[in-house]
Amino acid sequence: MSSLDSHADNPYLAHHFETEEQQTESCTLGMWLFLAQEVMFFGGLFLAYAIYRSLYPEAWSAGSHTLDVVVGGINTVFLLLSSFTMAMGVYYAQTGKQKQLALMLLATLALGITFVTVKWFFEYAPKIEAGVFPGKLWAPNPANHHYGQLAFFEGQGLQMFFLLYFVMTGMHALHMIIGFGILLVLIVMTMQGKFHAQRYLPILFFGLYWHFVDIVWVFLFPMFYLVS
């Protein structure tokens, strides 16, 4: 069968691929390469964290004690639930159940938005108000019982703890926000009937991305919230 015949028989085969197997393998390789560069990106931040934590263990512990473990733990549950709904979405895409797929994608989106909302209103905003945002806004209020003790660790790497906290959790949140946009597109495509048992790779690849983002948080949570 010629290349033209293959494309005529398979409307889901892009013109620059000869076979569906070649298309699947190329897309899969591209996705894993993308995730590999994401690992390298976060890996640099993890390395910086490890270096500064070893240099300033007391300041790291003091900074960690200002974080709300309960809020962080609840958010972790939301994120793990979103991984489950995304995995179920991939399953329903592979089995051609579009209604269930749409529901799982909507649930994943709702759980992700809940995570970011909780992060902003219960963690970022109170810290910025209390003056523990690194840089020009740094001015911990000594009257605040959560942050008053931080004055003892001034000049001992305390700002670096909060800098890495905001940068690393902020980049994680940014990846989630990007995911929200992709999720909205996938939900619209699902409602248009674009996915079925023969065409589900976009759902599968987004699932890999979402699970990667969740795995990053699984490391971030103990690194910042559970420092002894």
C-alpha atoms as a PDB file:
ATOM      1  CA  MET A   1       0.000   0.000   0.000  1.00  0.00           C
ATOM      2  CA  SER A   2       1.380   3.402  -0.964  1.00  0.00           C
ATOM      3  CA  SER A   3       1.809   6.306   1.436  1.00  0.00           C
ATOM      4  CA  LEU A   4      -1.076   8.133  -0.231  1.00  0.00           C
ATOM      5  CA  ASP A   5      -3.346   5.116   0.238  1.00  0.00           C
ATOM      6  CA  SER A   6      -2.392   4.963   3.941  1.00  0.00           C
ATOM      7  CA  HIS A   7      -3.369   8.585   4.479  1.00  0.00           C
ATOM      8  CA  ALA A   8      -6.610   8.149   2.570  1.00  0.00           C
ATOM      9  CA  ASP A   9      -7.590   5.130   4.675  1.00  0.00           C
ATOM     10  CA  ASN A  10      -6.635   6.759   7.988  1.00  0.00           C
ATOM     11  CA  PRO A  11      -7.840  10.334   8.538  1.00  0.00           C
ATOM     12  CA  TYR A  12      -5.928  10.469  11.844  1.00  0.00           C
ATOM     13  CA  LEU A  13      -2.542   9.913  10.180  1.00  0.00           C
ATOM     14  CA  ALA A  14      -0.660  13.204   9.738  1.00  0.00           C
ATOM     15  CA  HIS A  15       0.740  13.838   6.262  1.00  0.00           C
ATOM     16  CA  HIS A  16       4.403  13.791   7.374  1.00  0.00           C
ATOM     17  CA  PHE A  17       4.190  10.234   8.779  1.00  0.00           C
ATOM     18  CA  GLU A  18       4.140   7.072   6.676  1.00  0.00           C
ATOM     19  CA  THR A  19       2.343   4.811   9.159  1.00  0.00           C
ATOM     20  CA  GLU A  20       0.302   5.170  12.323  1.00  0.00           C
ATOM     21  CA  GLU A  21       2.959   3.226  14.243  1.00  0.00           C
ATOM     22  CA  GLN A  22       5.617   5.716  13.147  1.00  0.00           C
ATOM     23  CA  GLN A  23       3.384   8.599  14.196  1.00  0.00           C
ATOM     24  CA  THR A  24       2.737   7.081  17.628  1.00  0.00           C
ATOM     25  CA  GLU A  25       6.415   6.310  18.241  1.00  0.00           C
ATOM     26  CA  SER A  26       7.517   9.800  17.174  1.00  0.00           C
ATOM     27  CA  CYS A  27       4.908  11.529  19.343  1.00  0.00           C
ATOM     28  CA  THR A  28       5.769   9.330  22.318  1.00  0.00           C
ATOM     29  CA  LEU A  29       9.491  10.049  21.944  1.00  0.00           C
ATOM     30  CA  GLY A  30       8.795  13.773  21.693  1.00  0.00           C
ATOM     31  CA  MET A  31       6.699  13.703  24.865  1.00  0.00           C
ATOM     32  CA  TRP A  32       9.345  11.864  26.859  1.00  0.00           C
ATOM     33  CA  LEU A  33      12.026  14.278  25.626  1.00  0.00           C
ATOM     34  CA  PHE A  34       9.855  17.167  26.793  1.00  0.00           C
ATOM     35  CA  LEU A  35       9.451  15.556  30.221  1.00  0.00           C
ATOM     36  CA  ALA A  36      13.221  14.938  30.356  1.00  0.00           C
ATOM     37  CA  GLN A  37      13.949  18.646  29.928  1.00  0.00           C
ATOM     38  CA  GLU A  38      11.358  19.394  32.621  1.00  0.00           C
ATOM     39  CA  VAL A  39      13.237  17.030  34.945  1.00  0.00           C
ATOM     40  CA  MET A  40      16.470  18.913  34.202  1.00  0.00           C
ATOM     41  CA  PHE A  41      14.761  22.256  34.856  1.00  0.00           C
ATOM     42  CA  PHE A  42      13.406  21.246  38.257  1.00  0.00           C
ATOM     43  CA  GLY A  43      16.593  19.296  38.954  1.00  0.00           C
ATOM     44  CA  GLY A  44      18.582  22.542  39.006  1.00  0.00           C
ATOM     45  CA  LEU A  45      16.178  24.001  41.549  1.00  0.00           C
ATOM     46  CA  PHE A  46      16.381  20.862  43.679  1.00  0.00           C
ATOM     47  CA  LEU A  47      20.179  21.103  43.599  1.00  0.00           C
ATOM     48  CA  ALA A  48      20.054  24.729  44.761  1.00  0.00           C
ATOM     49  CA  TYR A  49      17.691  23.684  47.539  1.00  0.00           C
ATOM     50  CA  ALA A  50      20.053  20.925  48.697  1.00  0.00           C
ATOM     51  CA  ILE A  51      23.077  23.248  48.742  1.00  0.00           C
ATOM     52  CA  TYR A  52      21.430  26.052  50.693  1.00  0.00           C
ATOM     53  CA  ARG A  53      19.689  23.715  53.108  1.00  0.00           C
ATOM     54  CA  SER A  54      23.067  22.168  53.984  1.00  0.00           C
ATOM     55  CA  LEU A  55      24.523  25.665  54.491  1.00  0.00           C
ATOM     56  CA  TYR A  56      21.680  27.054  56.624  1.00  0.00           C
ATOM     57  CA  PRO A  57      19.941  24.155  58.436  1.00  0.00           C
ATOM     58  CA  GLU A  58      18.674  26.289  61.353  1.00  0.00           C
ATOM     59  CA  ALA A  59      17.136  28.942  59.101  1.00  0.00           C
ATOM     60  CA  TRP A  60      15.607  26.175  56.956  1.00  0.00           C
ATOM     61  CA  SER A  61      13.954  24.645  59.998  1.00  0.00           C
ATOM     62  CA  ALA A  62      12.675  28.039  61.200  1.00  0.00           C
ATOM     63  CA  GLY A  63      11.250  28.858  57.790  1.00  0.00           C
ATOM     64  CA  SER A  64       9.617  25.447  57.479  1.00  0.00           C
ATOM     65  CA  HIS A  65       7.850  25.880  60.826  1.00  0.00           C
ATOM     66  CA  THR A  66       6.011  28.926  59.450  1.00  0.00           C
ATOM     67  CA  LEU A  67       4.378  26.803  56.737  1.00  0.00           C
ATOM     68  CA  ASP A  68       0.974  25.292  57.437  1.00  0.00           C
ATOM     69  CA  VAL A  69       1.358  21.510  57.232  1.00  0.00           C
ATOM     70  CA  VAL A  70      -2.423  20.984  57.404  1.00  0.00           C
ATOM     71  CA  VAL A  71      -3.101  23.266  54.428  1.00  0.00           C
ATOM     72  CA  GLY A  72      -0.215  21.727  52.510  1.00  0.00           C
ATOM     73  CA  GLY A  73      -1.470  18.223  53.338  1.00  0.00           C
ATOM     74  CA  ILE A  74      -5.023  19.007  52.213  1.00  0.00           C
ATOM     75  CA  ASN A  75      -3.676  20.440  48.982  1.00  0.00           C
ATOM     76  CA  THR A  76      -1.618  17.293  48.491  1.00  0.00           C
ATOM     77  CA  VAL A  77      -4.811  15.233  48.732  1.00  0.00           C
ATOM     78  CA  PHE A  78      -6.464  17.446  46.089  1.00  0.00           C
ATOM     79  CA  LEU A  79      -3.509  16.940  43.772  1.00  0.00           C
ATOM     80  CA  LEU A  80      -3.365  13.170  44.261  1.00  0.00           C
ATOM     81  CA  LEU A  81      -7.106  12.968  43.582  1.00  0.00           C
ATOM     82  CA  SER A  82      -6.555  14.936  40.362  1.00  0.00           C
ATOM     83  CA  SER A  83      -3.961  12.337  39.325  1.00  0.00           C
ATOM     84  CA  PHE A  84      -6.558   9.619  39.880  1.00  0.00           C
ATOM     85  CA  THR A  85      -9.230  11.420  37.844  1.00  0.00           C
ATOM     86  CA  MET A  86      -6.691  12.057  35.072  1.00  0.00           C
ATOM     87  CA  ALA A  87      -5.724   8.369  35.021  1.00  0.00           C
ATOM     88  CA  MET A  88      -9.397   7.456  34.779  1.00  0.00           C
ATOM     89  CA  GLY A  89      -9.724   9.986  31.951  1.00  0.00           C
ATOM     90  CA  VAL A  90      -6.989   8.198  30.011  1.00  0.00           C
ATOM     91  CA  TYR A  91      -8.794   4.886  30.595  1.00  0.00           C
ATOM     92  CA  TYR A  92     -12.112   6.255  29.354  1.00  0.00           C
ATOM     93  CA  ALA A  93     -10.381   7.786  26.325  1.00  0.00           C
ATOM     94  CA  GLN A  94      -8.839   4.420  25.430  1.00  0.00           C
ATOM     95  CA  THR A  95     -12.199   2.686  25.780  1.00  0.00           C
ATOM     96  CA  GLY A  96     -14.093   5.332  23.820  1.00  0.00           C
ATOM     97  CA  LYS A  97     -16.361   6.494  26.666  1.00  0.00           C
ATOM     98  CA  GLN A  98     -16.535  10.187  25.859  1.00  0.00           C
ATOM     99  CA  LYS A  99     -19.099  11.225  28.480  1.00  0.00           C
ATOM    100  CA  GLN A 100     -17.058   9.704  31.298  1.00  0.00           C
ATOM    101  CA  LEU A 101     -13.884  11.162  29.780  1.00  0.00           C
ATOM    102  CA  ALA A 102     -15.369  14.661  29.824  1.00  0.00           C
ATOM    103  CA  LEU A 103     -16.431  14.232  33.464  1.00  0.00           C
ATOM    104  CA  MET A 104     -12.952  13.072  34.499  1.00  0.00           C
ATOM    105  CA  LEU A 105     -11.275  15.979  32.689  1.00  0.00           C
ATOM    106  CA  LEU A 106     -13.660  18.426  34.369  1.00  0.00           C
ATOM    107  CA  ALA A 107     -12.941  16.839  37.753  1.00  0.00           C
ATOM    108  CA  THR A 108      -9.190  17.112  37.130  1.00  0.00           C
ATOM    109  CA  LEU A 109      -9.587  20.776  36.208  1.00  0.00           C
ATOM    110  CA  ALA A 110     -11.729  21.495  39.286  1.00  0.00           C
ATOM    111  CA  LEU A 111      -9.255  19.796  41.644  1.00  0.00           C
ATOM    112  CA  GLY A 112      -6.325  21.629  40.063  1.00  0.00           C
ATOM    113  CA  ILE A 113      -8.045  25.008  40.356  1.00  0.00           C
ATOM    114  CA  THR A 114      -8.870  24.214  43.990  1.00  0.00           C
ATOM    115  CA  PHE A 115      -5.182  23.480  44.660  1.00  0.00           C
ATOM    116  CA  VAL A 116      -3.989  26.773  43.172  1.00  0.00           C
ATOM    117  CA  THR A 117      -6.768  28.760  44.885  1.00  0.00           C
ATOM    118  CA  VAL A 118      -5.922  27.313  48.302  1.00  0.00           C
ATOM    119  CA  LYS A 119      -2.237  27.941  47.630  1.00  0.00           C
ATOM    120  CA  TRP A 120      -2.830  31.622  46.925  1.00  0.00           C
ATOM    121  CA  PHE A 121      -5.400  32.542  49.575  1.00  0.00           C
ATOM    122  CA  PHE A 122      -4.106  30.422  52.457  1.00  0.00           C
ATOM    123  CA  GLU A 123      -0.353  30.443  51.829  1.00  0.00           C
ATOM    124  CA  TYR A 124       1.018  33.035  49.416  1.00  0.00           C
ATOM    125  CA  ALA A 125      -1.212  35.996  50.337  1.00  0.00           C
ATOM    126  CA  PRO A 126      -0.770  35.716  54.142  1.00  0.00           C
ATOM    127  CA  LYS A 127       3.011  35.440  53.777  1.00  0.00           C
ATOM    128  CA  ILE A 128       3.245  38.450  51.489  1.00  0.00           C
ATOM    129  CA  GLU A 129       1.074  40.410  53.959  1.00  0.00           C
ATOM    130  CA  ALA A 130       3.316  39.354  56.834  1.00  0.00           C
ATOM    131  CA  GLY A 131       6.405  40.635  54.997  1.00  0.00           C
ATOM    132  CA  VAL A 132       8.182  37.350  54.349  1.00  0.00           C
ATOM    133  CA  PHE A 133       8.407  37.764  50.579  1.00  0.00           C
ATOM    134  CA  PRO A 134      12.131  37.976  49.669  1.00  0.00           C
ATOM    135  CA  GLY A 135      13.571  41.178  48.275  1.00  0.00           C
ATOM    136  CA  LYS A 136      12.215  44.698  48.694  1.00  0.00           C
ATOM    137  CA  LEU A 137       9.030  43.410  50.314  1.00  0.00           C
ATOM    138  CA  TRP A 138      10.968  41.560  53.030  1.00  0.00           C
ATOM    139  CA  ALA A 139       9.910  42.974  56.422  1.00  0.00           C
ATOM    140  CA  PRO A 140       8.704  40.270  58.855  1.00  0.00           C
ATOM    141  CA  ASN A 141       6.304  41.689  61.394  1.00  0.00           C
ATOM    142  CA  PRO A 142       7.754  40.972  64.889  1.00  0.00           C
ATOM    143  CA  ALA A 143       4.262  41.199  66.394  1.00  0.00           C
ATOM    144  CA  ASN A 144       3.047  38.295  64.256  1.00  0.00           C
ATOM    145  CA  HIS A 145       3.355  35.139  66.370  1.00  0.00           C
ATOM    146  CA  HIS A 146       3.930  33.028  63.239  1.00  0.00           C
ATOM    147  CA  TYR A 147       6.813  35.090  61.895  1.00  0.00           C
ATOM    148  CA  GLY A 148       8.125  37.075  64.879  1.00  0.00           C
ATOM    149  CA  GLN A 149      10.767  34.473  65.721  1.00  0.00           C
ATOM    150  CA  LEU A 150      12.261  34.779  62.236  1.00  0.00           C
ATOM    151  CA  ALA A 151      14.193  37.930  63.211  1.00  0.00           C
ATOM    152  CA  PHE A 152      16.675  35.692  65.031  1.00  0.00           C
ATOM    153  CA  PHE A 153      17.665  34.078  61.717  1.00  0.00           C
ATOM    154  CA  GLU A 154      18.131  37.281  59.707  1.00  0.00           C
ATOM    155  CA  GLY A 155      21.295  37.064  57.616  1.00  0.00           C
ATOM    156  CA  GLN A 156      21.452  33.277  58.038  1.00  0.00           C
ATOM    157  CA  GLY A 157      19.882  32.236  54.739  1.00  0.00           C
ATOM    158  CA  LEU A 158      16.276  32.773  55.788  1.00  0.00           C
ATOM    159  CA  GLN A 159      15.413  34.837  52.723  1.00  0.00           C
ATOM    160  CA  MET A 160      16.930  32.132  50.529  1.00  0.00           C
ATOM    161  CA  PHE A 161      14.538  29.602  52.081  1.00  0.00           C
ATOM    162  CA  PHE A 162      11.538  31.740  51.199  1.00  0.00           C
ATOM    163  CA  LEU A 163      13.001  32.622  47.791  1.00  0.00           C
ATOM    164  CA  LEU A 164      13.280  28.943  46.885  1.00  0.00           C
ATOM    165  CA  TYR A 165       9.867  28.285  48.428  1.00  0.00           C
ATOM    166  CA  PHE A 166       8.164  30.903  46.262  1.00  0.00           C
ATOM    167  CA  VAL A 167      10.183  30.063  43.128  1.00  0.00           C
ATOM    168  CA  MET A 168       9.809  26.287  43.295  1.00  0.00           C
ATOM    169  CA  THR A 169       6.177  26.146  44.402  1.00  0.00           C
ATOM    170  CA  GLY A 170       5.416  29.069  42.078  1.00  0.00           C
ATOM    171  CA  MET A 171       6.902  27.272  39.062  1.00  0.00           C
ATOM    172  CA  HIS A 172       4.905  24.216  40.040  1.00  0.00           C
ATOM    173  CA  ALA A 173       1.727  26.318  40.173  1.00  0.00           C
ATOM    174  CA  LEU A 174       2.599  27.885  36.812  1.00  0.00           C
ATOM    175  CA  HIS A 175       2.849  24.426  35.257  1.00  0.00           C
ATOM    176  CA  MET A 176      -0.589  23.669  36.670  1.00  0.00           C
ATOM    177  CA  ILE A 177      -2.066  26.888  35.265  1.00  0.00           C
ATOM    178  CA  ILE A 178      -0.664  26.010  31.835  1.00  0.00           C
ATOM    179  CA  GLY A 179      -2.291  22.620  32.291  1.00  0.00           C
ATOM    180  CA  PHE A 180      -5.645  24.294  32.935  1.00  0.00           C
ATOM    181  CA  GLY A 181      -5.526  25.859  29.478  1.00  0.00           C
ATOM    182  CA  ILE A 182      -4.692  22.535  27.856  1.00  0.00           C
ATOM    183  CA  LEU A 183      -7.430  20.820  29.856  1.00  0.00           C
ATOM    184  CA  LEU A 184     -10.018  23.316  28.618  1.00  0.00           C
ATOM    185  CA  VAL A 185      -9.011  22.586  25.015  1.00  0.00           C
ATOM    186  CA  LEU A 186      -9.194  18.824  25.625  1.00  0.00           C
ATOM    187  CA  ILE A 187     -12.620  19.166  27.244  1.00  0.00           C
ATOM    188  CA  VAL A 188     -13.954  21.088  24.240  1.00  0.00           C
ATOM    189  CA  MET A 189     -12.455  18.510  21.853  1.00  0.00           C
ATOM    190  CA  THR A 190     -13.997  15.702  23.899  1.00  0.00           C
ATOM    191  CA  MET A 191     -17.430  17.326  23.686  1.00  0.00           C
ATOM    192  CA  GLN A 192     -16.929  17.558  19.918  1.00  0.00           C
ATOM    193  CA  GLY A 193     -16.312  13.810  19.771  1.00  0.00           C
ATOM    194  CA  LYS A 194     -12.641  14.101  18.753  1.00  0.00           C
ATOM    195  CA  PHE A 195     -11.390  11.275  20.989  1.00  0.00           C
ATOM    196  CA  HIS A 196     -12.179   7.570  20.835  1.00  0.00           C
ATOM    197  CA  ALA A 197     -10.490   4.187  21.105  1.00  0.00           C
ATOM    198  CA  GLN A 198      -8.462   4.840  17.925  1.00  0.00           C
ATOM    199  CA  ARG A 199      -7.494   8.414  18.785  1.00  0.00           C
ATOM    200  CA  TYR A 200      -6.573   9.131  22.391  1.00  0.00           C
ATOM    201  CA  LEU A 201      -2.865  10.070  22.336  1.00  0.00           C
ATOM    202  CA  PRO A 202      -3.454  13.761  23.256  1.00  0.00           C
ATOM    203  CA  ILE A 203      -5.234  12.610  26.422  1.00  0.00           C
ATOM    204  CA  LEU A 204      -2.510  10.082  27.192  1.00  0.00           C
ATOM    205  CA  PHE A 205       0.304  12.606  26.711  1.00  0.00           C
ATOM    206  CA  PHE A 206      -1.416  15.264  28.785  1.00  0.00           C
ATOM    207  CA  GLY A 207      -1.899  12.622  31.464  1.00  0.00           C
ATOM    208  CA  LEU A 208       1.872  12.085  31.537  1.00  0.00           C
ATOM    209  CA  TYR A 209       2.394  15.833  31.908  1.00  0.00           C
ATOM    210  CA  TRP A 210      -0.151  16.089  34.729  1.00  0.00           C
ATOM    211  CA  HIS A 211       1.311  13.123  36.598  1.00  0.00           C
ATOM    212  CA  PHE A 212       4.769  14.681  36.289  1.00  0.00           C
ATOM    213  CA  VAL A 213       3.493  17.925  37.838  1.00  0.00           C
ATOM    214  CA  ASP A 214       1.934  15.914  40.673  1.00  0.00           C
ATOM    215  CA  ILE A 215       5.173  14.009  41.264  1.00  0.00           C
ATOM    216  CA  VAL A 216       7.069  17.296  41.563  1.00  0.00           C
ATOM    217  CA  TRP A 217       4.684  18.363  44.351  1.00  0.00           C
ATOM    218  CA  VAL A 218       5.158  15.012  46.116  1.00  0.00           C
ATOM    219  CA  PHE A 219       8.824  16.016  46.458  1.00  0.00           C
ATOM    220  CA  LEU A 220       8.181  19.683  47.242  1.00  0.00           C
ATOM    221  CA  PHE A 221       5.788  18.997  50.113  1.00  0.00           C
ATOM    222  CA  PRO A 222       8.247  17.196  52.436  1.00  0.00           C
ATOM    223  CA  MET A 223      11.161  19.383  51.293  1.00  0.00           C
ATOM    224  CA  PHE A 224       9.491  22.562  52.544  1.00  0.00           C
ATOM    225  CA  TYR A 225       6.770  21.553  54.995  1.00  0.00           C
ATOM    226  CA  LEU A 226       8.379  18.664  56.881  1.00  0.00           C
ATOM    227  CA  VAL A 227      11.854  20.031  57.698  1.00  0.00           C
ATOM    228  CA  SER A 228      12.714  18.995  61.254  1.00  0.00           C
END
